[in-house]
Protein backbone atom coordinates (compact mmCIF):
# COMPACT_ATOMS: atom_id res chain seq x y z
CA MET A 1 -54.96 -72.66 -88.54
CA ILE A 2 -54.18 -72.62 -92.28
CA GLN A 3 -56.87 -75.25 -92.83
CA PHE A 4 -59.37 -73.16 -90.87
CA ALA A 5 -58.44 -70.07 -92.93
CA GLN A 6 -58.89 -72.03 -96.05
CA GLU A 7 -62.32 -73.07 -95.18
CA ILE A 8 -63.21 -69.51 -94.11
CA ALA A 9 -61.81 -68.13 -97.39
CA GLU A 10 -63.75 -70.75 -99.57
CA ARG A 11 -66.95 -70.17 -97.71
CA GLY A 12 -66.79 -66.36 -97.42
CA GLY A 13 -67.49 -66.80 -93.68
CA LEU A 14 -66.10 -63.39 -92.73
CA ALA A 15 -67.86 -60.44 -91.39
CA GLN A 16 -68.72 -57.84 -94.16
CA GLY A 17 -66.27 -54.92 -93.96
CA SER A 18 -63.80 -56.64 -91.81
CA MET A 19 -60.07 -56.65 -92.53
CA PRO A 20 -60.02 -60.32 -93.39
CA ALA A 21 -63.08 -59.89 -95.64
CA LYS A 22 -61.08 -57.13 -97.48
CA PHE A 23 -58.34 -59.62 -98.31
CA LEU A 24 -60.82 -61.80 -100.00
CA GLU A 25 -62.23 -58.78 -101.90
CA ALA A 26 -58.86 -57.88 -103.04
CA ALA A 27 -58.41 -61.49 -104.30
CA ASP A 28 -61.75 -61.07 -106.11
CA ARG A 29 -60.39 -58.07 -107.92
CA GLY A 30 -57.21 -59.76 -108.80
CA GLU A 31 -54.96 -57.68 -106.63
CA ILE A 32 -53.72 -60.68 -104.79
CA ALA A 33 -53.80 -64.43 -105.60
CA LYS A 34 -56.68 -66.34 -104.07
CA GLU A 35 -54.21 -68.98 -102.99
CA GLN A 36 -52.54 -66.38 -100.90
CA CYS A 37 -55.72 -65.62 -98.78
CA PRO A 38 -55.37 -68.47 -96.22
CA VAL A 39 -51.67 -67.53 -95.51
CA ILE A 40 -52.63 -63.82 -95.17
CA LEU A 41 -55.63 -64.69 -93.02
CA THR A 42 -53.57 -66.75 -90.79
CA GLY A 43 -50.87 -64.13 -90.44
CA TYR A 44 -53.64 -61.69 -89.55
CA LEU A 45 -55.70 -63.80 -87.24
CA ALA A 46 -53.08 -65.88 -85.41
CA PRO A 47 -51.27 -63.19 -83.42
CA SER A 48 -54.50 -61.26 -82.51
CA PRO A 49 -55.56 -63.28 -79.47
CA GLU A 50 -52.02 -63.49 -78.18
CA THR A 51 -51.47 -59.72 -78.26
CA THR A 52 -54.91 -59.07 -76.72
CA ILE A 53 -54.46 -61.28 -73.79
CA SER A 54 -50.95 -59.83 -73.29
CA ALA A 55 -52.21 -56.32 -73.53
CA ILE A 56 -55.08 -56.99 -71.05
CA ALA A 57 -52.71 -58.74 -68.63
CA ASN A 58 -50.24 -55.95 -68.78
CA ALA A 59 -52.94 -53.32 -68.24
CA THR A 60 -54.25 -55.24 -65.26
CA TRP A 61 -50.69 -55.41 -63.82
CA LEU A 62 -50.10 -51.87 -64.28
CA PHE A 63 -53.33 -50.83 -62.53
CA ALA A 64 -52.62 -53.29 -59.75
CA THR A 65 -49.22 -51.86 -59.19
CA ASN A 66 -50.44 -48.22 -59.59
CA PRO A 67 -53.78 -48.10 -57.65
CA ASP A 68 -53.95 -44.31 -57.80
CA GLN A 69 -54.24 -44.61 -61.62
CA TRP A 70 -56.91 -47.24 -61.30
CA ASP A 71 -58.80 -44.91 -58.81
CA LEU A 72 -58.53 -42.01 -61.32
CA LEU A 73 -59.92 -44.25 -64.13
CA ARG A 74 -62.74 -45.45 -61.91
CA GLU A 75 -63.65 -41.85 -61.13
CA ASP A 76 -63.72 -40.91 -64.90
CA PRO A 77 -64.24 -44.01 -67.06
CA SER A 78 -64.27 -41.78 -70.18
CA HIS A 79 -60.47 -41.99 -70.17
CA VAL A 80 -60.37 -45.76 -70.67
CA GLU A 81 -59.16 -45.72 -74.25
CA VAL A 82 -56.42 -43.23 -73.41
CA ALA A 83 -55.46 -45.29 -70.32
CA PHE A 84 -55.27 -48.57 -72.37
CA ASN A 85 -53.19 -47.00 -75.07
CA GLU A 86 -50.95 -45.78 -72.37
CA ALA A 87 -50.70 -49.20 -70.81
CA VAL A 88 -49.84 -50.69 -74.25
CA ARG A 89 -47.07 -48.02 -74.71
CA LEU A 90 -45.70 -48.76 -71.21
CA GLU A 91 -45.77 -52.46 -71.47
CA SER A 92 -45.82 -53.64 -74.98
CA PRO A 93 -47.69 -56.87 -75.71
CA ILE A 94 -45.14 -57.66 -78.50
CA THR A 95 -41.60 -57.53 -77.25
CA SER A 96 -39.92 -58.07 -80.60
CA PHE A 97 -41.21 -54.72 -81.92
CA SER A 98 -39.21 -51.60 -81.54
CA ARG A 99 -39.23 -47.83 -82.26
CA MET A 100 -36.36 -45.86 -83.77
CA THR A 101 -35.80 -42.18 -84.08
CA THR A 102 -35.54 -40.30 -87.37
CA GLU A 103 -33.35 -37.64 -85.77
CA ASP A 104 -30.90 -37.55 -82.92
CA ALA A 105 -32.75 -37.12 -79.75
CA GLN A 106 -32.20 -36.49 -76.02
CA VAL A 107 -34.50 -37.83 -73.26
CA ALA A 108 -33.36 -36.79 -69.78
CA ASP A 109 -29.69 -37.39 -69.87
CA VAL A 110 -29.60 -40.15 -72.58
CA GLY A 111 -28.78 -39.54 -76.04
CA ILE A 112 -30.71 -41.54 -78.63
CA PRO A 113 -29.01 -41.60 -81.98
CA LYS A 114 -30.83 -41.26 -85.33
CA LEU A 115 -31.42 -44.57 -87.08
CA ARG A 116 -28.70 -45.16 -89.43
CA VAL A 117 -29.76 -47.42 -92.38
CA ARG A 118 -26.99 -49.17 -94.09
CA GLU A 119 -27.16 -49.11 -97.71
CA PHE A 120 -26.24 -52.27 -99.66
CA SER A 121 -25.02 -52.16 -103.34
């Protein structure tokens, strides 16, 4: 993958205006080192297919187990973006990410404490 990203970075084989192309533009302006581009490109490109596949599979599973929601979406496909965002919220394609509260919260009967950040000296 690094070799592939290196070749793309050297040839400029990225779609104009794309996020990866913006990494190269930043390198051209001297904001990041050119040598960093393949690593940054790999970090950007490598997880994309996996998360996309997982998100689509999760959405498919959710619609299969909730056919009433699938029927509603088929009746009005204009809600597909909201439905997909909701599917990603319900079944995250990345299980190592988490969300934290900035204030103490209560959901149903469950208390969720504010994230306490430990300061190190």
